[in-house]
Amino acid sequence: MSEAQFYTLPDGRRIAFRLTRGRGPALVFLPGYMSDLAGSKATALFDAAVAAGRTCLLLDYSGCGESEGDFAEGSLTRWRDEVCALVGSLGLSPVVLVGSSMGGWLMLLVALELGARVRGLVGIAAAPDFTDWGYDADQKARLAAGNAVFEDNPYGPEPTPTHPLFWQDGERLRLLGGEIALDCPVRLLHGQADADVPFAISLKLAECLRSADVQVTLIKDGDHRLSRPQDIALLLRTALGLTETAPCP
C-alpha cells in the first residue's frame, strides 16, 4: 500500500491518509473506535480498489494511527469535520462511505453533511448511539461528571478509554430516536455472534433510515470484527458492487 500523505487542517493538525485514484465513486473507509487505516478491512478494501481501478481513501482520525493530536480530545464532531474537510480538499465526489463499528455511526453523520455527494453507505457492525446503549448507569454518571471510563479491551493489552468529551458529544448526536434523512442505498453487514454491538442495532438503523433501498445482511457465525476471509470477501463484493449499481441520489 502507498505511503501515508498528510492533510493539514487550519489549526495545524496533520491528518494521515492514503489515496488511490481511479474511476467511479470514491470508496471512503471510516475506521472504528481506536482503529486506523492499517486495519485488515481498510487494507483489503484499498487493495481491491487498486485492483479494480477504483478511487479509495483511507484516513486516520486525529489522535489515532499516524495522525497528530490527543485521542482524549477526539469526538464524533471533530472526526466528522476532518473527514468532510479531507474529502472536499481531495475533490472526491461522489463517494461511497464504508464505516466499521463507530465508523458506521460517523458514516451517517458524514453523509448528513455531504448530502448529494454520497452515492451509498456500507456499515460493518455499525454502532450508532453506542454512548447510550453501550454504557451502564454508573459509567454514564462518571462520564457526565467529567471522568474517563476504562474497560477491558478484548483486542489488545491496554484498557479501552472513553473520555468525557467523546461521550458528551455522542449523546448530542444520537440518531436512532427518529428518521435519519438519508436517501442513498445502504448496505448493513452484521454478525449475529457480535459480542460488542448487538445485531439488533443494524435492524433498528434500517428502520430509521429514510432510504427505501436498505439491505441488512446477517452473518450467523460472524463476530464483531468481521475480519475472516469470508467476511472480507463479503465486504468487498458489497462495497465494490455498490459503486457499480447505486444511482446517484
Protein backbone atom coordinates (compact mmCIF):
# COMPACT_ATOMS: atom_id res chain seq x y z
CA MET A 1 0.00 0.00 0.00
CA SER A 2 1.20 3.55 -0.72
CA GLU A 3 2.95 5.65 1.91
CA ALA A 4 0.81 7.92 4.04
CA GLN A 5 0.30 11.51 2.97
CA PHE A 6 -0.79 14.29 5.31
CA TYR A 7 -3.51 16.91 5.11
CA THR A 8 -3.06 19.96 7.34
CA LEU A 9 -6.15 21.47 8.91
CA PRO A 10 -6.43 25.22 9.56
CA ASP A 11 -5.42 24.73 13.20
CA GLY A 12 -2.26 22.88 12.16
CA ARG A 13 -3.39 19.30 12.85
CA ARG A 14 -1.98 16.86 10.31
CA ILE A 15 -4.31 14.07 9.23
CA ALA A 16 -2.75 10.95 7.72
CA PHE A 17 -4.36 9.46 4.64
CA ARG A 18 -3.77 7.12 1.74
CA LEU A 19 -5.39 7.66 -1.63
CA THR A 20 -5.54 5.76 -4.88
CA ARG A 21 -7.32 7.37 -7.80
CA GLY A 22 -9.35 5.55 -10.39
CA ARG A 23 -12.78 5.55 -11.93
CA GLY A 24 -16.23 5.85 -10.44
CA PRO A 25 -17.34 6.91 -6.96
CA ALA A 26 -14.61 7.13 -4.33
CA LEU A 27 -14.70 4.50 -1.59
CA VAL A 28 -14.00 6.19 1.76
CA PHE A 29 -13.24 3.88 4.69
CA LEU A 30 -14.04 5.12 8.21
CA PRO A 31 -12.32 3.03 10.92
CA GLY A 32 -13.82 2.04 14.25
CA TYR A 33 -13.03 3.42 17.69
CA MET A 34 -9.25 3.42 18.31
CA SER A 35 -8.69 1.73 14.94
CA ASP A 36 -6.74 3.11 12.00
CA LEU A 37 -6.10 2.93 8.28
CA ALA A 38 -3.74 -0.06 8.65
CA GLY A 39 -6.51 -2.44 9.78
CA SER A 40 -7.28 -5.59 7.80
CA LYS A 41 -10.62 -4.40 6.41
CA ALA A 42 -9.26 -1.00 5.38
CA THR A 43 -6.21 -2.56 3.74
CA ALA A 44 -8.29 -5.16 1.91
CA LEU A 45 -10.66 -2.51 0.59
CA PHE A 46 -7.77 -0.34 -0.61
CA ASP A 47 -6.05 -3.24 -2.34
CA ALA A 48 -9.31 -4.31 -4.01
CA ALA A 49 -9.92 -0.75 -5.21
CA VAL A 50 -6.44 -0.60 -6.72
CA ALA A 51 -7.02 -3.92 -8.49
CA ALA A 52 -10.38 -2.75 -9.81
CA GLY A 53 -9.14 0.69 -10.86
CA ARG A 54 -11.35 2.43 -8.30
CA THR A 55 -10.72 5.54 -6.21
CA CYS A 56 -10.28 4.77 -2.50
CA LEU A 57 -9.43 6.91 0.52
CA LEU A 58 -8.21 5.67 3.90
CA LEU A 59 -7.56 8.03 6.81
CA ASP A 60 -6.67 8.20 10.48
CA TYR A 61 -8.74 10.48 12.70
CA SER A 62 -6.76 12.97 14.78
CA GLY A 63 -5.22 11.26 17.79
CA CYS A 64 -5.32 7.88 16.01
CA GLY A 65 -2.78 5.93 13.97
CA GLU A 66 -0.35 8.21 12.14
CA SER A 67 -2.39 11.41 12.58
CA GLU A 68 -1.41 14.07 15.06
CA GLY A 69 -3.48 15.04 18.07
CA ASP A 70 -4.58 13.83 21.50
CA PHE A 71 -7.07 10.95 21.50
CA ALA A 72 -8.69 12.40 24.64
CA GLU A 73 -9.72 15.42 22.54
CA GLY A 74 -11.38 13.27 19.89
CA SER A 75 -15.11 13.38 19.26
CA LEU A 76 -17.59 12.44 16.58
CA THR A 77 -17.99 16.10 15.62
CA ARG A 78 -14.23 16.63 15.38
CA TRP A 79 -13.69 13.47 13.32
CA ARG A 80 -16.72 14.12 11.10
CA ASP A 81 -15.37 17.54 10.25
CA GLU A 82 -11.93 16.08 9.48
CA VAL A 83 -13.44 13.54 7.09
CA CYS A 84 -15.55 16.16 5.33
CA ALA A 85 -12.59 18.55 5.04
CA LEU A 86 -10.35 15.87 3.58
CA VAL A 87 -12.99 14.64 1.10
CA GLY A 88 -13.55 18.22 -0.03
CA SER A 89 -9.86 19.05 -0.28
CA LEU A 90 -9.19 15.99 -2.43
CA GLY A 91 -12.17 16.75 -4.67
CA LEU A 92 -13.82 13.37 -4.10
CA SER A 93 -17.38 13.29 -5.42
CA PRO A 94 -19.47 11.22 -5.47
CA VAL A 95 -18.43 8.92 -2.64
CA VAL A 96 -19.45 5.60 -1.12
CA LEU A 97 -18.79 5.65 2.63
CA VAL A 98 -17.78 2.41 4.36
CA GLY A 99 -17.93 2.58 8.16
CA SER A 100 -16.84 -0.04 10.69
CA SER A 101 -18.38 -0.11 14.19
CA MET A 102 -18.09 3.50 15.48
CA GLY A 103 -17.16 4.35 11.90
CA GLY A 104 -20.67 3.25 10.99
CA TRP A 105 -22.07 6.00 13.24
CA LEU A 106 -19.59 8.50 11.86
CA MET A 107 -20.55 7.39 8.33
CA LEU A 108 -24.11 8.54 8.94
CA LEU A 109 -23.00 11.91 10.34
CA VAL A 110 -20.64 12.48 7.41
CA ALA A 111 -23.37 11.54 4.93
CA LEU A 112 -25.76 14.04 6.51
CA GLU A 113 -23.10 16.73 6.00
CA LEU A 114 -22.09 15.78 2.45
CA GLY A 115 -25.66 15.32 1.19
CA ALA A 116 -25.98 14.57 -2.53
CA ARG A 117 -22.28 13.79 -2.87
CA VAL A 118 -22.90 10.46 -1.12
CA ARG A 119 -23.80 7.67 -3.51
CA GLY A 120 -24.09 4.85 -0.96
CA LEU A 121 -23.28 3.59 2.53
CA VAL A 122 -21.86 0.30 3.78
CA GLY A 123 -21.98 -0.35 7.52
CA ILE A 124 -19.91 -3.10 9.14
CA ALA A 125 -21.33 -3.83 12.59
CA ALA A 126 -22.45 -0.19 12.63
CA ALA A 127 -22.73 1.20 16.15
CA PRO A 128 -24.78 4.42 16.11
CA ASP A 129 -25.74 5.80 19.53
CA PHE A 130 -23.38 3.49 21.45
CA THR A 131 -22.82 6.24 24.04
CA ASP A 132 -26.40 5.40 25.05
CA TRP A 133 -26.79 1.61 24.85
CA GLY A 134 -23.10 0.76 25.32
CA TYR A 135 -22.71 2.01 28.91
CA ASP A 136 -24.44 1.25 32.20
CA ALA A 137 -25.90 3.86 34.52
CA ASP A 138 -22.79 4.05 36.72
CA GLN A 139 -20.49 4.58 33.74
CA LYS A 140 -22.78 7.27 32.35
CA ALA A 141 -22.78 9.06 35.70
CA ARG A 142 -18.99 9.02 35.84
CA LEU A 143 -18.71 10.33 32.28
CA ALA A 144 -21.32 13.02 32.92
CA ALA A 145 -19.26 14.12 35.93
CA GLY A 146 -16.21 14.56 33.70
CA ASN A 147 -14.36 11.34 34.48
CA ALA A 148 -12.97 8.91 31.93
CA VAL A 149 -14.15 5.29 31.90
CA PHE A 150 -11.78 2.40 31.20
CA GLU A 151 -12.99 -1.02 30.04
CA ASP A 152 -11.33 -4.34 29.32
CA ASN A 153 -10.08 -4.50 25.74
CA PRO A 154 -10.59 -7.90 24.07
CA TYR A 155 -8.37 -6.83 21.16
CA GLY A 156 -5.27 -5.63 23.00
CA PRO A 157 -3.41 -5.43 26.33
CA GLU A 158 -4.38 -1.87 27.23
CA PRO A 159 -7.86 -0.96 28.52
CA THR A 160 -10.18 0.94 26.22
CA PRO A 161 -10.80 4.51 27.42
CA THR A 162 -13.90 6.58 26.89
CA HIS A 163 -13.27 10.26 27.57
CA PRO A 164 -15.98 12.66 28.74
CA LEU A 165 -15.75 14.87 25.65
CA PHE A 166 -16.39 11.95 23.29
CA TRP A 167 -19.30 10.64 25.37
CA GLN A 168 -20.99 14.03 25.77
CA ASP A 169 -20.66 14.78 22.06
CA GLY A 170 -22.01 11.35 21.18
CA GLU A 171 -25.06 11.83 23.36
CA ARG A 172 -25.80 15.05 21.50
CA LEU A 173 -25.51 13.29 18.13
CA ARG A 174 -27.72 10.25 18.73
CA LEU A 175 -29.68 9.24 15.62
CA LEU A 176 -31.85 6.24 16.41
CA GLY A 177 -34.65 8.21 18.06
CA GLY A 178 -36.25 9.28 14.77
CA GLU A 179 -35.94 9.38 11.00
CA ILE A 180 -32.43 9.62 9.55
CA ALA A 181 -32.81 11.82 6.47
CA LEU A 182 -30.64 9.88 4.05
CA ASP A 183 -31.97 8.55 0.74
CA CYS A 184 -28.97 6.78 -0.80
CA PRO A 185 -28.65 2.98 -0.99
CA VAL A 186 -27.44 1.45 2.29
CA ARG A 187 -25.96 -1.99 2.96
CA LEU A 188 -25.54 -3.13 6.56
CA LEU A 189 -23.40 -6.17 7.41
CA HIS A 190 -23.60 -7.57 10.95
CA GLY A 191 -22.51 -10.76 12.72
CA GLN A 192 -25.12 -12.46 14.86
CA ALA A 193 -22.32 -13.59 17.20
CA ASP A 194 -21.21 -9.98 17.73
CA ALA A 195 -20.47 -9.61 21.46
CA ASP A 196 -19.87 -5.84 21.26
CA VAL A 197 -22.66 -4.41 19.10
CA PRO A 198 -25.99 -6.29 19.09
CA PHE A 199 -27.16 -7.05 15.56
CA ALA A 200 -30.48 -5.52 16.59
CA ILE A 201 -28.76 -2.14 16.20
CA SER A 202 -28.43 -2.66 12.45
CA LEU A 203 -32.09 -3.69 12.26
CA LYS A 204 -33.08 -0.54 14.17
CA LEU A 205 -30.89 1.57 11.92
CA ALA A 206 -32.57 0.09 8.85
CA GLU A 207 -35.95 1.15 10.27
CA CYS A 208 -34.78 4.71 10.97
CA LEU A 209 -33.18 5.39 7.58
CA ARG A 210 -35.48 7.26 5.19
CA SER A 211 -34.00 5.47 2.19
CA ALA A 212 -36.16 2.75 0.64
CA ASP A 213 -33.05 0.93 -0.58
CA VAL A 214 -31.69 -0.56 2.64
CA GLN A 215 -30.48 -4.15 2.96
CA VAL A 216 -29.29 -5.88 6.13
CA THR A 217 -27.08 -8.95 5.81
CA LEU A 218 -26.71 -11.05 8.97
CA ILE A 219 -23.77 -13.43 9.26
CA LYS A 220 -24.87 -16.13 11.68
CA ASP A 221 -21.41 -17.05 12.98
CA GLY A 222 -19.85 -13.62 12.43
CA ASP A 223 -18.22 -11.78 15.34
CA HIS A 224 -17.79 -8.04 15.80
CA ARG A 225 -14.67 -7.65 13.70
CA LEU A 226 -15.93 -9.50 10.60
CA SER A 227 -12.31 -9.93 9.53
CA ARG A 228 -12.27 -13.59 8.46
CA PRO A 229 -11.54 -14.22 4.76
CA GLN A 230 -15.21 -14.90 4.01
CA ASP A 231 -16.24 -11.72 5.85
CA ILE A 232 -13.71 -9.64 3.95
CA ALA A 233 -14.90 -11.17 0.67
CA LEU A 234 -18.49 -10.21 1.51
CA LEU A 235 -17.41 -6.65 2.34
CA LEU A 236 -15.54 -6.28 -0.93
CA ARG A 237 -18.42 -7.64 -3.01
CA THR A 238 -20.83 -5.32 -1.23
CA ALA A 239 -18.74 -2.14 -1.38
CA LEU A 240 -17.47 -2.54 -4.94
CA GLY A 241 -20.88 -3.68 -6.11
CA LEU A 242 -22.46 -0.55 -4.70
CA THR A 243 -20.08 1.63 -6.69
CA GLU A 244 -21.34 -0.11 -9.84
CA THR A 245 -25.08 -0.23 -9.24
CA ALA A 246 -26.18 2.52 -6.87
CA PRO A 247 -27.79 5.53 -8.58
CA CYS A 248 -26.62 8.97 -7.62
CA PRO A 249 -29.00 10.39 -5.02
